[in-house]
N, C-alpha and C. Protein backbone atom coordinates (compact mmCIF):
# COMPACT_ATOMS: atom_id res chain seq x y z
N MET A 1 -21.73 34.62 37.23
CA MET A 1 -20.33 34.28 37.31
C MET A 1 -20.13 32.95 38.02
N LYS A 2 -20.97 32.70 39.06
CA LYS A 2 -20.83 31.46 39.79
C LYS A 2 -21.21 30.26 38.91
N THR A 3 -22.14 30.45 38.02
CA THR A 3 -22.52 29.35 37.11
C THR A 3 -21.36 28.99 36.20
N PHE A 4 -20.64 30.00 35.74
CA PHE A 4 -19.49 29.73 34.89
C PHE A 4 -18.41 28.97 35.66
N GLN A 5 -18.17 29.37 36.89
CA GLN A 5 -17.17 28.68 37.71
C GLN A 5 -17.60 27.25 38.00
N LEU A 6 -18.88 27.05 38.27
CA LEU A 6 -19.39 25.71 38.53
C LEU A 6 -19.28 24.85 37.28
N PHE A 7 -19.63 25.41 36.12
CA PHE A 7 -19.51 24.68 34.85
C PHE A 7 -18.06 24.31 34.57
N PHE A 8 -17.15 25.26 34.78
CA PHE A 8 -15.73 25.01 34.54
C PHE A 8 -15.20 23.93 35.48
N LEU A 9 -15.62 23.95 36.74
CA LEU A 9 -15.20 22.96 37.71
C LEU A 9 -15.72 21.57 37.33
N LEU A 10 -16.97 21.49 36.91
CA LEU A 10 -17.53 20.21 36.48
C LEU A 10 -16.84 19.69 35.22
N LEU A 11 -16.49 20.58 34.32
CA LEU A 11 -15.78 20.18 33.11
C LEU A 11 -14.40 19.63 33.45
N LEU A 12 -13.67 20.29 34.33
CA LEU A 12 -12.37 19.80 34.76
C LEU A 12 -12.49 18.46 35.47
N LEU A 13 -13.51 18.30 36.28
CA LEU A 13 -13.72 17.04 36.99
C LEU A 13 -14.02 15.91 36.01
N ALA A 14 -14.83 16.18 35.01
CA ALA A 14 -15.16 15.16 34.01
C ALA A 14 -13.94 14.78 33.19
N LEU A 15 -13.15 15.76 32.79
CA LEU A 15 -11.95 15.47 32.01
C LEU A 15 -10.92 14.71 32.83
N SER A 16 -10.77 15.06 34.10
CA SER A 16 -9.78 14.36 34.92
C SER A 16 -10.22 12.93 35.19
N ALA A 17 -11.50 12.68 35.25
CA ALA A 17 -11.99 11.31 35.45
C ALA A 17 -11.83 10.49 34.18
N ALA A 18 -11.90 11.13 33.02
CA ALA A 18 -11.80 10.41 31.76
C ALA A 18 -10.35 10.11 31.38
N LEU A 19 -9.40 10.88 31.87
CA LEU A 19 -8.01 10.67 31.49
C LEU A 19 -7.45 9.32 31.91
N PRO A 20 -7.58 8.87 33.14
CA PRO A 20 -7.03 7.56 33.49
C PRO A 20 -7.70 6.42 32.73
N ALA A 21 -8.99 6.51 32.49
CA ALA A 21 -9.68 5.46 31.73
C ALA A 21 -9.15 5.42 30.31
N ARG A 22 -8.89 6.57 29.75
CA ARG A 22 -8.37 6.61 28.39
C ARG A 22 -6.94 6.06 28.33
N ALA A 23 -6.14 6.37 29.34
CA ALA A 23 -4.77 5.88 29.38
C ALA A 23 -4.75 4.36 29.52
N LEU A 24 -5.68 3.80 30.26
CA LEU A 24 -5.75 2.35 30.41
C LEU A 24 -6.24 1.67 29.14
N ALA A 25 -7.02 2.38 28.35
CA ALA A 25 -7.59 1.78 27.14
C ALA A 25 -6.55 1.66 26.02
N GLN A 26 -5.47 2.42 26.06
CA GLN A 26 -4.47 2.35 25.01
C GLN A 26 -3.70 1.04 25.11
N PRO A 27 -3.43 0.40 23.96
CA PRO A 27 -2.70 -0.87 24.00
C PRO A 27 -1.24 -0.65 24.42
N ASP A 28 -0.66 -1.68 24.98
CA ASP A 28 0.72 -1.57 25.39
C ASP A 28 1.65 -1.59 24.18
N LEU A 29 2.91 -1.33 24.43
CA LEU A 29 3.89 -1.17 23.35
C LEU A 29 4.02 -2.44 22.51
N GLU A 30 4.02 -3.59 23.15
CA GLU A 30 4.17 -4.85 22.41
C GLU A 30 3.02 -5.08 21.43
N GLU A 31 1.81 -4.77 21.89
CA GLU A 31 0.65 -4.94 21.01
C GLU A 31 0.69 -3.95 19.85
N ARG A 32 1.12 -2.72 20.11
CA ARG A 32 1.21 -1.72 19.05
C ARG A 32 2.25 -2.12 18.00
N VAL A 33 3.41 -2.65 18.45
CA VAL A 33 4.43 -3.09 17.51
C VAL A 33 3.92 -4.27 16.69
N SER A 34 3.21 -5.18 17.33
CA SER A 34 2.65 -6.32 16.62
C SER A 34 1.66 -5.87 15.55
N ASN A 35 0.83 -4.88 15.88
CA ASN A 35 -0.12 -4.35 14.90
C ASN A 35 0.60 -3.72 13.72
N LEU A 36 1.68 -2.98 13.99
CA LEU A 36 2.45 -2.36 12.90
C LEU A 36 3.10 -3.41 12.01
N GLU A 37 3.64 -4.47 12.63
CA GLU A 37 4.26 -5.54 11.84
C GLU A 37 3.23 -6.21 10.95
N HIS A 38 2.04 -6.42 11.48
CA HIS A 38 0.98 -7.05 10.68
C HIS A 38 0.58 -6.15 9.52
N ARG A 39 0.50 -4.84 9.78
CA ARG A 39 0.12 -3.90 8.73
C ARG A 39 1.18 -3.86 7.62
N VAL A 40 2.46 -3.88 7.99
CA VAL A 40 3.55 -3.86 7.01
C VAL A 40 3.55 -5.14 6.18
N SER A 41 3.35 -6.29 6.83
CA SER A 41 3.36 -7.55 6.08
C SER A 41 2.18 -7.62 5.12
N SER A 42 1.02 -7.09 5.51
CA SER A 42 -0.11 -7.12 4.59
C SER A 42 0.10 -6.17 3.41
N ASP A 43 0.79 -5.03 3.65
CA ASP A 43 1.11 -4.11 2.56
C ASP A 43 2.08 -4.76 1.58
N GLN A 44 3.04 -5.53 2.09
CA GLN A 44 3.99 -6.21 1.22
C GLN A 44 3.29 -7.28 0.38
N GLU A 45 2.29 -7.94 0.95
CA GLU A 45 1.54 -8.93 0.20
C GLU A 45 0.79 -8.26 -0.95
N ASP A 46 0.23 -7.08 -0.69
CA ASP A 46 -0.49 -6.36 -1.73
C ASP A 46 0.44 -5.97 -2.87
N VAL A 47 1.65 -5.53 -2.55
CA VAL A 47 2.62 -5.17 -3.57
C VAL A 47 3.02 -6.40 -4.37
N GLY A 48 3.20 -7.52 -3.70
CA GLY A 48 3.56 -8.76 -4.38
C GLY A 48 2.49 -9.20 -5.36
N VAL A 49 1.23 -9.06 -4.97
CA VAL A 49 0.13 -9.42 -5.86
C VAL A 49 0.11 -8.49 -7.07
N ALA A 50 0.35 -7.21 -6.85
CA ALA A 50 0.36 -6.24 -7.96
C ALA A 50 1.50 -6.54 -8.93
N VAL A 51 2.69 -6.88 -8.42
CA VAL A 51 3.83 -7.19 -9.29
C VAL A 51 3.55 -8.46 -10.08
N LEU A 52 2.97 -9.46 -9.44
CA LEU A 52 2.63 -10.71 -10.13
C LEU A 52 1.59 -10.47 -11.22
N PHE A 53 0.60 -9.64 -10.93
CA PHE A 53 -0.41 -9.30 -11.94
C PHE A 53 0.22 -8.57 -13.12
N CYS A 54 1.10 -7.62 -12.83
CA CYS A 54 1.77 -6.87 -13.89
C CYS A 54 2.67 -7.79 -14.72
N ALA A 55 3.38 -8.71 -14.07
CA ALA A 55 4.26 -9.65 -14.79
C ALA A 55 3.43 -10.55 -15.71
N THR A 56 2.28 -10.98 -15.23
CA THR A 56 1.40 -11.81 -16.06
C THR A 56 0.88 -11.02 -17.25
N PHE A 57 0.51 -9.77 -17.02
CA PHE A 57 0.04 -8.92 -18.12
C PHE A 57 1.15 -8.71 -19.16
N LEU A 58 2.37 -8.47 -18.70
CA LEU A 58 3.48 -8.28 -19.64
C LEU A 58 3.79 -9.55 -20.41
N ALA A 59 3.66 -10.70 -19.77
CA ALA A 59 3.88 -11.97 -20.47
C ALA A 59 2.83 -12.16 -21.56
N LEU A 60 1.60 -11.81 -21.25
CA LEU A 60 0.53 -11.91 -22.26
C LEU A 60 0.79 -10.94 -23.41
N TRP A 61 1.20 -9.72 -23.09
CA TRP A 61 1.52 -8.74 -24.13
C TRP A 61 2.66 -9.25 -25.01
N ALA A 62 3.71 -9.81 -24.38
CA ALA A 62 4.85 -10.30 -25.13
C ALA A 62 4.44 -11.45 -26.05
N GLN A 63 3.60 -12.32 -25.55
CA GLN A 63 3.14 -13.45 -26.36
C GLN A 63 2.32 -12.97 -27.55
N ASN A 64 1.50 -11.96 -27.35
CA ASN A 64 0.67 -11.44 -28.44
C ASN A 64 1.46 -10.66 -29.47
N THR A 65 2.63 -10.16 -29.11
CA THR A 65 3.45 -9.39 -30.05
C THR A 65 4.62 -10.20 -30.60
N GLY A 66 4.66 -11.49 -30.31
CA GLY A 66 5.70 -12.35 -30.87
C GLY A 66 7.01 -12.30 -30.10
N ARG A 67 6.98 -11.83 -28.88
CA ARG A 67 8.19 -11.79 -28.08
C ARG A 67 8.19 -12.96 -27.09
N ASN A 68 9.31 -13.15 -26.39
CA ASN A 68 9.43 -14.25 -25.44
C ASN A 68 8.67 -13.90 -24.15
N ALA A 69 7.57 -14.60 -23.90
CA ALA A 69 6.71 -14.30 -22.75
C ALA A 69 7.41 -14.59 -21.43
N TRP A 70 8.16 -15.69 -21.34
CA TRP A 70 8.86 -16.03 -20.10
C TRP A 70 9.92 -14.99 -19.76
N LEU A 71 10.63 -14.50 -20.75
CA LEU A 71 11.65 -13.48 -20.50
C LEU A 71 11.01 -12.22 -19.91
N TRP A 72 9.94 -11.75 -20.52
CA TRP A 72 9.28 -10.55 -20.04
C TRP A 72 8.65 -10.76 -18.66
N PHE A 73 8.13 -11.96 -18.42
CA PHE A 73 7.55 -12.26 -17.10
C PHE A 73 8.60 -12.14 -16.01
N PHE A 74 9.75 -12.81 -16.20
CA PHE A 74 10.79 -12.77 -15.17
C PHE A 74 11.49 -11.42 -15.09
N LEU A 75 11.62 -10.73 -16.21
CA LEU A 75 12.18 -9.38 -16.16
C LEU A 75 11.30 -8.47 -15.29
N ASP A 76 9.99 -8.61 -15.45
CA ASP A 76 9.09 -7.78 -14.66
C ASP A 76 9.12 -8.16 -13.18
N LEU A 77 9.31 -9.42 -12.86
CA LEU A 77 9.40 -9.80 -11.46
C LEU A 77 10.60 -9.16 -10.78
N PHE A 78 11.70 -9.01 -11.51
CA PHE A 78 12.92 -8.47 -10.91
C PHE A 78 13.05 -6.96 -11.06
N PHE A 79 12.60 -6.42 -12.19
CA PHE A 79 12.75 -4.98 -12.47
C PHE A 79 11.40 -4.39 -12.84
N SER A 80 10.42 -4.49 -12.00
CA SER A 80 9.04 -4.22 -12.36
C SER A 80 8.80 -2.83 -12.94
N VAL A 81 9.22 -1.78 -12.29
CA VAL A 81 8.90 -0.43 -12.76
C VAL A 81 9.63 -0.12 -14.07
N ILE A 82 10.88 -0.48 -14.17
CA ILE A 82 11.68 -0.19 -15.36
C ILE A 82 11.12 -0.94 -16.57
N VAL A 83 10.76 -2.20 -16.36
CA VAL A 83 10.27 -3.03 -17.46
C VAL A 83 8.93 -2.52 -17.99
N VAL A 84 8.10 -1.98 -17.13
CA VAL A 84 6.82 -1.42 -17.59
C VAL A 84 7.08 -0.25 -18.53
N PHE A 85 8.02 0.61 -18.20
CA PHE A 85 8.33 1.74 -19.09
C PHE A 85 8.96 1.26 -20.40
N VAL A 86 9.79 0.24 -20.34
CA VAL A 86 10.36 -0.32 -21.57
C VAL A 86 9.25 -0.90 -22.44
N MET A 87 8.31 -1.60 -21.81
CA MET A 87 7.18 -2.16 -22.57
C MET A 87 6.36 -1.06 -23.23
N LEU A 88 6.12 0.03 -22.53
CA LEU A 88 5.36 1.13 -23.13
C LEU A 88 6.11 1.73 -24.31
N TYR A 89 7.42 1.86 -24.18
CA TYR A 89 8.24 2.39 -25.26
C TYR A 89 8.19 1.45 -26.48
N LYS A 90 8.37 0.15 -26.24
CA LYS A 90 8.35 -0.81 -27.34
C LYS A 90 6.97 -0.85 -27.99
N ASN A 91 5.93 -0.76 -27.19
CA ASN A 91 4.58 -0.79 -27.73
C ASN A 91 4.31 0.44 -28.61
N SER A 92 4.80 1.60 -28.19
CA SER A 92 4.60 2.80 -29.02
C SER A 92 5.39 2.68 -30.33
N ASN A 93 6.60 2.08 -30.28
CA ASN A 93 7.35 1.87 -31.51
C ASN A 93 6.64 0.88 -32.44
N ASP A 94 6.04 -0.15 -31.87
CA ASP A 94 5.28 -1.11 -32.67
C ASP A 94 4.10 -0.44 -33.35
N LYS A 95 3.42 0.43 -32.63
CA LYS A 95 2.27 1.13 -33.21
C LYS A 95 2.70 2.05 -34.35
N LYS A 96 3.85 2.73 -34.17
CA LYS A 96 4.36 3.60 -35.23
C LYS A 96 4.75 2.80 -36.46
N ALA A 97 5.30 1.60 -36.25
CA ALA A 97 5.75 0.77 -37.36
C ALA A 97 4.58 0.01 -38.00
N GLY A 98 3.41 0.06 -37.37
CA GLY A 98 2.25 -0.62 -37.95
C GLY A 98 2.11 -2.07 -37.54
N ARG A 99 2.97 -2.51 -36.60
CA ARG A 99 2.85 -3.88 -36.10
C ARG A 99 1.79 -3.95 -35.03
N LYS A 100 1.26 -5.15 -34.82
CA LYS A 100 0.22 -5.33 -33.84
C LYS A 100 0.73 -5.48 -32.47
């Protein structure tokens, strides 16, 4: 029984010694907010690259099907999700009609 008490006492002592060191290791509020802002801005950059890639793809599709490539490019920049669904609908109608 004394070994258990000694082990428990040593465990509590080790945990209490580790708590202040851990509290000091955490970054302050300003640094944490700065990290979050950086993470959000990098996520927005990723979304921007994806929208630009999609707009370029739609412009290429429009050019290959005889449609106005610039119109589809700018439509996708402003209404990206909606325009992709419209493009899929138009593409399926083209396939049904036998157009390329």
